[in-house]
Amino acid sequence: RETEILFSSYKQPNRKEMTSEKIKGLVAATVTPMKANGEVNLPALDSYVKHLEKQGLAGVFVNGTTGEGLLMTSDERKAVAEAWMAYKDKFKVMVHVGGTSYAAAVDLARHAEKIGADAISAMGPCFLPPSRAEELVAFNKIVAAAAPGTPFYYYHIPGTSHVNVSMLDFLKLGEKEIPTLRGIKYTTYDSMTMQECIAYRGGYYDILHGHDETILTGLMLGATGGVGTSYSVTGELYNKLLDTFWAGDLAGAVKLQEKAVEFIRVLIKYENSVVGIKAILQVMGVDCGPVRLPMRNLTPDRMKALEADLRAIGWI
C-alpha cells in the first residue's frame, strides 16, 4: 500500500499557493559536532550557534555534505535535525534528507516536515547514479511527496554525487511531477546551465549558489542567495560582498571576493573543505570535534600549519 502511495500521481497545486519568496543572503552548510569517539555531540551545538549568529546568516543547511549526513544513521540525522529546530527563531532551517535509498529519504523527509523544517533538500543517489532526468525526477518525486507541505530543493553536487544530469532538464520535467519543487542548491561550476535555470519561467525557481569562491558569478547571473561551507566562518565578509554588489560597486565586490578566495585556498588545502572547516572552527575556539571515517583528521603538526596559514592571510 505504501508503495502505491509513493508512486501515485497527484495534482499540481496553484503556483502562487505553493511557496514563499526566494532565499536572500547566506545559508551556512553546517558541520555536525562530534565527540572524540565519533558519536554525535548535540550539546556542542549551542556554542557553535552562538558563533554562527555573529556571521549574519539567513539560514542553515543541515545534514548535507559538510554535515557528514551520509556518514550518519537515519536516527542520528533525525536527532541532529531536531536539535537545530531549537534555533529556528534565528535561522531558516533547511534539512538534507537525501541518500541512496528513497525509502530512507522518505522517512527523513516526513520527519523533517513533522518537526517544522523550512525546506528539505536531497542530492541524487550516489550509488548507481542516474544518467537521465527522468529517473532523477522519479526518485526525488517520491522523496518530496513525503513532505507535501514543505518546499523541496534538489541538491546538485555532481562532483560528490556523480549525478550529472542537466538541471534545466530536471526543472522542465520536475515542475510537472514535483509540486513542492522550489529550486536547486547548485554546487557545480557550470555557470551556463545555472544561468538558464535562473532565467527559466521568468526567474520563478530559487537557484542557490553552492560554490563560495565564485558566489559573485552567481550574483551576476541573478542568484539571490548561496549555501556554503565557509559561511560558518566567513559570513561577515560575504555579507559585505553581497551588500557591495547590490549597491552597484562591482569593483569593490571583486576585491572582497579576492579576499574570500584567500581563505578558501587555505580551507581546501587541508584534506578537503569538510575536514578543513572543522579544523578552522577549532582554531577559532569553536570545538565541533573530529570528522568521521573515511575522512582523515589533521595531525597536531598539520593543525599548527593551518593556524600559521590563517595568520599569514590575516584571518586570525
Protein backbone atom coordinates (compact mmCIF):
# COMPACT_ATOMS: atom_id res chain seq x y z
CA ARG A 1 0.00 0.00 0.00
CA GLU A 2 2.79 2.44 0.85
CA THR A 3 4.47 1.73 -2.48
CA GLU A 4 1.24 2.61 -4.25
CA ILE A 5 1.04 5.89 -2.34
CA LEU A 6 4.66 6.73 -3.09
CA PHE A 7 4.29 6.19 -6.81
CA SER A 8 0.80 7.65 -7.18
CA SER A 9 0.30 10.83 -9.18
CA TYR A 10 -1.16 13.96 -7.67
CA LYS A 11 -2.49 17.25 -8.92
CA GLN A 12 -0.15 20.20 -9.28
CA PRO A 13 -1.27 22.96 -6.86
CA ASN A 14 -1.61 26.59 -7.82
CA ARG A 15 1.90 28.06 -8.06
CA LYS A 16 1.00 31.14 -6.06
CA GLU A 17 -0.13 28.98 -3.17
CA MET A 18 2.92 26.75 -3.20
CA THR A 19 5.82 28.50 -1.57
CA SER A 20 7.44 31.62 -0.26
CA GLU A 21 9.88 34.15 -1.64
CA LYS A 22 13.40 33.26 -2.70
CA ILE A 23 16.07 32.98 -0.03
CA LYS A 24 18.21 36.11 0.01
CA GLY A 25 21.60 36.01 1.65
CA LEU A 26 23.85 33.33 3.09
CA VAL A 27 22.94 29.84 4.24
CA ALA A 28 25.70 28.02 6.11
CA ALA A 29 26.24 24.38 5.29
CA THR A 30 26.67 23.39 8.91
CA VAL A 31 29.07 20.92 10.46
CA THR A 32 27.81 18.22 12.80
CA PRO A 33 29.59 18.40 16.18
CA MET A 34 31.03 15.06 17.24
CA LYS A 35 32.80 13.61 20.23
CA ALA A 36 36.32 12.19 20.13
CA ASN A 37 34.85 8.70 19.77
CA GLY A 38 32.82 9.72 16.73
CA GLU A 39 29.44 10.00 18.41
CA VAL A 40 27.22 12.96 17.58
CA ASN A 41 27.65 15.71 20.18
CA LEU A 42 24.40 17.68 20.25
CA PRO A 43 25.20 19.79 23.36
CA ALA A 44 28.08 21.35 21.41
CA LEU A 45 25.59 22.95 19.04
CA ASP A 46 24.94 25.80 21.45
CA SER A 47 28.45 27.28 21.27
CA TYR A 48 28.53 26.68 17.50
CA VAL A 49 25.23 28.54 17.08
CA LYS A 50 26.49 31.48 19.16
CA HIS A 51 29.40 31.69 16.75
CA LEU A 52 27.09 31.45 13.71
CA GLU A 53 24.90 34.28 14.96
CA LYS A 54 27.84 36.66 14.51
CA GLN A 55 28.04 35.74 10.81
CA GLY A 56 24.69 37.30 9.85
CA LEU A 57 23.25 34.22 8.21
CA ALA A 58 19.86 33.83 6.57
CA GLY A 59 19.74 30.12 7.27
CA VAL A 60 21.44 26.80 7.90
CA PHE A 61 21.65 23.72 5.69
CA VAL A 62 21.72 20.70 8.00
CA ASN A 63 22.98 17.14 7.39
CA GLY A 64 24.46 17.89 3.98
CA THR A 65 27.96 17.19 2.72
CA THR A 66 29.61 19.48 5.27
CA GLY A 67 27.43 17.97 7.98
CA GLU A 68 28.60 14.43 7.08
CA GLY A 69 24.97 13.49 6.59
CA LEU A 70 25.55 10.39 4.51
CA LEU A 71 28.03 9.11 7.11
CA MET A 72 25.33 9.12 9.80
CA THR A 73 22.46 6.78 10.54
CA SER A 74 18.89 7.92 9.92
CA ASP A 75 18.31 8.14 13.66
CA GLU A 76 21.35 10.36 14.07
CA ARG A 77 20.22 12.60 11.21
CA LYS A 78 16.79 12.94 12.81
CA ALA A 79 18.33 13.83 16.18
CA VAL A 80 20.56 16.46 14.58
CA ALA A 81 17.65 17.97 12.65
CA GLU A 82 15.53 18.11 15.81
CA ALA A 83 18.35 19.81 17.70
CA TRP A 84 18.62 22.51 15.04
CA MET A 85 14.91 23.29 15.31
CA ALA A 86 15.61 24.81 18.71
CA TYR A 87 17.29 27.66 16.79
CA LYS A 88 14.59 28.18 14.17
CA ASP A 89 13.96 31.65 15.55
CA LYS A 90 17.50 32.57 14.49
CA PHE A 91 17.81 30.91 11.05
CA LYS A 92 15.78 29.28 8.33
CA VAL A 93 16.40 25.55 8.71
CA MET A 94 16.89 23.53 5.53
CA VAL A 95 17.29 19.79 6.13
CA HIS A 96 19.07 17.50 3.72
CA VAL A 97 17.21 14.18 3.57
CA GLY A 98 18.87 12.57 0.55
CA GLY A 99 20.61 9.22 0.32
CA THR A 100 20.95 6.14 -1.81
CA SER A 101 17.63 4.65 -0.65
CA TYR A 102 14.47 6.57 -1.47
CA ALA A 103 12.70 4.67 1.33
CA ALA A 104 15.16 6.06 3.90
CA ALA A 105 14.92 9.50 2.32
CA VAL A 106 11.12 9.35 2.51
CA ASP A 107 11.36 8.62 6.23
CA LEU A 108 13.71 11.56 6.76
CA ALA A 109 11.52 13.88 4.66
CA ARG A 110 8.43 13.01 6.69
CA HIS A 111 10.35 13.64 9.87
CA ALA A 112 11.66 17.00 8.64
CA GLU A 113 8.16 18.18 7.83
CA LYS A 114 6.85 16.91 11.16
CA ILE A 115 9.39 18.96 13.13
CA GLY A 116 8.70 22.07 11.06
CA ALA A 117 11.75 22.43 8.80
CA ASP A 118 11.55 25.42 6.45
CA ALA A 119 12.67 23.33 3.49
CA ILE A 120 14.05 19.93 2.59
CA SER A 121 16.70 19.03 0.06
CA ALA A 122 18.06 15.83 -1.48
CA MET A 123 21.04 15.10 -3.64
CA GLY A 124 20.82 12.42 -6.30
CA PRO A 125 21.66 8.85 -5.21
CA CYS A 126 25.43 8.41 -5.47
CA PHE A 127 25.28 4.58 -5.74
CA LEU A 128 24.41 3.61 -9.32
CA PRO A 129 23.69 7.27 -10.11
CA PRO A 130 21.00 8.00 -12.70
CA SER A 131 22.11 9.46 -16.02
CA ARG A 132 18.74 10.83 -17.17
CA ALA A 133 16.43 13.49 -15.82
CA GLU A 134 13.51 11.05 -15.95
CA GLU A 135 14.92 8.71 -13.29
CA LEU A 136 16.30 11.54 -11.18
CA VAL A 137 12.92 13.29 -11.14
CA ALA A 138 11.13 10.00 -10.37
CA PHE A 139 13.43 9.38 -7.40
CA ASN A 140 13.00 12.88 -5.99
CA LYS A 141 9.25 12.90 -6.64
CA ILE A 142 8.88 10.08 -4.14
CA VAL A 143 11.03 11.88 -1.56
CA ALA A 144 9.33 15.26 -1.94
CA ALA A 145 5.85 13.70 -1.79
CA ALA A 146 6.59 12.56 1.76
CA ALA A 147 6.68 16.23 2.84
CA PRO A 148 3.81 17.73 0.81
CA GLY A 149 3.73 20.97 2.79
CA THR A 150 7.47 21.73 2.66
CA PRO A 151 9.45 23.40 -0.16
CA PHE A 152 11.82 20.99 -1.90
CA TYR A 153 15.26 21.92 -3.25
CA TYR A 154 17.20 19.48 -5.38
CA TYR A 155 20.86 19.32 -4.29
CA HIS A 156 23.02 19.37 -7.42
CA ILE A 157 26.59 18.44 -6.50
CA PRO A 158 27.89 16.20 -9.29
CA GLY A 159 31.48 16.34 -8.06
CA THR A 160 30.36 14.42 -4.95
CA SER A 161 27.24 12.53 -6.00
CA HIS A 162 28.39 11.80 -9.57
CA VAL A 163 24.84 12.53 -10.69
CA ASN A 164 25.50 14.82 -13.64
CA VAL A 165 22.08 15.39 -15.18
CA SER A 166 21.19 18.71 -16.85
CA MET A 167 19.48 20.84 -14.23
CA LEU A 168 17.47 22.66 -16.88
CA ASP A 169 16.06 19.30 -17.99
CA PHE A 170 15.42 18.49 -14.33
CA LEU A 171 13.41 21.70 -13.85
CA LYS A 172 11.40 21.23 -17.02
CA LEU A 173 10.35 17.72 -16.06
CA GLY A 174 10.35 18.27 -12.31
CA GLU A 175 7.83 21.12 -12.42
CA LYS A 176 5.30 18.64 -13.85
CA GLU A 177 5.99 15.91 -11.31
CA ILE A 178 7.08 17.57 -8.04
CA PRO A 179 4.52 20.11 -6.78
CA THR A 180 6.76 21.32 -3.96
CA LEU A 181 9.83 21.87 -6.15
CA ARG A 182 11.16 25.28 -5.17
CA GLY A 183 14.66 25.34 -6.59
CA ILE A 184 18.16 23.91 -6.65
CA LYS A 185 21.18 24.03 -4.38
CA TYR A 186 23.53 24.44 -7.31
CA THR A 187 27.06 23.27 -6.48
CA THR A 188 28.95 22.98 -9.74
CA TYR A 189 30.94 25.31 -11.98
CA ASP A 190 28.61 25.01 -14.99
CA SER A 191 27.56 28.66 -14.94
CA MET A 192 25.89 28.49 -18.36
CA THR A 193 23.28 26.00 -17.19
CA MET A 194 22.96 27.86 -13.91
CA GLN A 195 22.04 31.00 -15.83
CA GLU A 196 19.46 29.05 -17.83
CA CYS A 197 17.95 27.68 -14.61
CA ILE A 198 17.81 31.13 -13.02
CA ALA A 199 16.08 32.55 -16.12
CA TYR A 200 13.67 29.62 -16.57
CA ARG A 201 10.00 30.55 -16.28
CA GLY A 202 10.85 34.19 -15.79
CA GLY A 203 13.07 33.53 -12.80
CA TYR A 204 10.49 31.52 -10.88
CA TYR A 205 12.86 29.00 -9.28
CA ASP A 206 15.23 29.71 -6.40
CA ILE A 207 18.72 28.74 -7.59
CA LEU A 208 21.07 28.89 -4.62
CA HIS A 209 24.74 29.28 -5.48
CA GLY A 210 26.81 26.48 -3.96
CA HIS A 211 30.46 27.43 -4.51
CA ASP A 212 31.54 30.12 -2.02
CA GLU A 213 34.63 31.01 -4.04
CA THR A 214 32.54 32.08 -7.06
CA ILE A 215 29.41 33.48 -5.46
CA LEU A 216 29.99 36.77 -7.28
CA THR A 217 29.47 34.89 -10.55
CA GLY A 218 26.17 33.57 -9.24
CA LEU A 219 25.05 37.03 -8.17
CA MET A 220 25.81 38.44 -11.59
CA LEU A 221 23.71 35.69 -13.17
CA GLY A 222 20.78 36.52 -10.91
CA ALA A 223 21.12 34.33 -7.83
CA THR A 224 19.98 35.99 -4.61
CA GLY A 225 21.39 33.52 -2.10
CA GLY A 226 24.05 30.91 -1.55
CA VAL A 227 24.71 27.82 0.52
CA GLY A 228 28.31 27.27 1.53
CA THR A 229 30.71 25.51 3.85
CA SER A 230 32.86 28.54 4.60
CA TYR A 231 29.97 30.75 5.73
CA SER A 232 30.30 29.27 9.22
CA VAL A 233 33.42 31.46 9.42
CA THR A 234 33.27 33.93 6.52
CA GLY A 235 29.69 35.15 6.83
CA GLU A 236 30.62 38.70 7.80
CA LEU A 237 32.97 39.04 4.82
CA TYR A 238 30.49 37.57 2.37
CA ASN A 239 27.65 39.73 3.66
CA LYS A 240 29.83 42.75 2.97
CA LEU A 241 30.41 41.36 -0.52
CA LEU A 242 26.66 40.95 -1.08
CA ASP A 243 25.91 44.47 0.14
CA THR A 244 28.68 45.91 -2.02
CA PHE A 245 27.41 44.10 -5.12
CA TRP A 246 23.79 45.08 -4.53
CA ALA A 247 24.91 48.68 -4.05
CA GLY A 248 26.31 48.59 -7.59
CA ASP A 249 30.00 48.56 -6.69
CA LEU A 250 31.23 45.64 -8.80
CA ALA A 251 34.92 46.53 -8.43
CA GLY A 252 34.55 46.58 -4.65
CA ALA A 253 32.77 43.23 -4.71
CA VAL A 254 35.58 41.73 -6.79
CA LYS A 255 38.12 42.83 -4.18
CA LEU A 256 36.10 41.22 -1.43
CA GLN A 257 35.79 38.00 -3.46
CA GLU A 258 39.57 38.00 -3.81
CA LYS A 259 39.88 38.19 -0.03
CA ALA A 260 37.42 35.33 0.33
CA VAL A 261 39.36 33.21 -2.15
CA GLU A 262 42.48 33.58 0.02
CA PHE A 263 40.53 31.93 2.82
CA ILE A 264 39.07 29.22 0.57
CA ARG A 265 42.58 28.30 -0.60
CA VAL A 266 43.54 27.59 3.00
CA LEU A 267 40.27 25.77 3.67
CA ILE A 268 40.70 23.27 0.84
CA LYS A 269 44.48 22.86 1.38
CA TYR A 270 43.86 20.65 4.41
CA GLU A 271 42.34 17.38 3.16
CA ASN A 272 39.03 18.82 1.95
CA SER A 273 36.54 21.51 2.89
CA VAL A 274 34.75 19.29 5.46
CA VAL A 275 37.94 18.46 7.36
CA GLY A 276 39.19 22.00 6.86
CA ILE A 277 36.15 23.84 8.23
CA LYS A 278 36.02 21.75 11.41
CA ALA A 279 39.73 22.32 11.96
CA ILE A 280 39.41 26.06 11.32
CA LEU A 281 36.50 26.31 13.74
CA GLN A 282 38.67 24.59 16.35
CA VAL A 283 41.50 27.06 15.74
CA MET A 284 38.96 29.86 16.26
CA GLY A 285 37.85 28.38 19.58
CA VAL A 286 34.68 26.61 18.41
CA ASP A 287 35.28 22.92 19.06
CA CYS A 288 32.98 20.78 16.91
CA GLY A 289 35.15 17.70 17.25
CA PRO A 290 36.59 15.37 14.63
CA VAL A 291 35.27 14.16 11.29
CA ARG A 292 34.18 10.58 10.74
CA LEU A 293 35.90 7.89 8.76
CA PRO A 294 36.73 7.50 5.95
CA MET A 295 37.91 11.13 6.23
CA ARG A 296 41.22 11.82 7.94
CA ASN A 297 41.56 14.32 10.78
CA LEU A 298 44.53 16.66 10.89
CA THR A 299 47.57 15.75 12.97
CA PRO A 300 48.82 18.24 15.60
CA ASP A 301 51.56 19.35 13.19
CA ARG A 302 49.03 19.97 10.43
CA MET A 303 46.85 21.91 12.85
CA LYS A 304 49.84 24.17 13.62
CA ALA A 305 50.46 24.63 9.90
CA LEU A 306 46.79 25.53 9.39
CA GLU A 307 46.95 28.12 12.15
CA ALA A 308 50.09 29.59 10.60
CA ASP A 309 48.39 29.83 7.20
CA LEU A 310 45.40 31.60 8.72
CA ARG A 311 47.70 34.09 10.43
CA ALA A 312 49.58 34.67 7.17
CA ILE A 313 46.41 35.88 5.44
CA GLY A 314 45.36 37.95 8.43
CA TRP A 315 42.40 35.79 9.32
CA ILE A 316 43.31 35.28 12.98
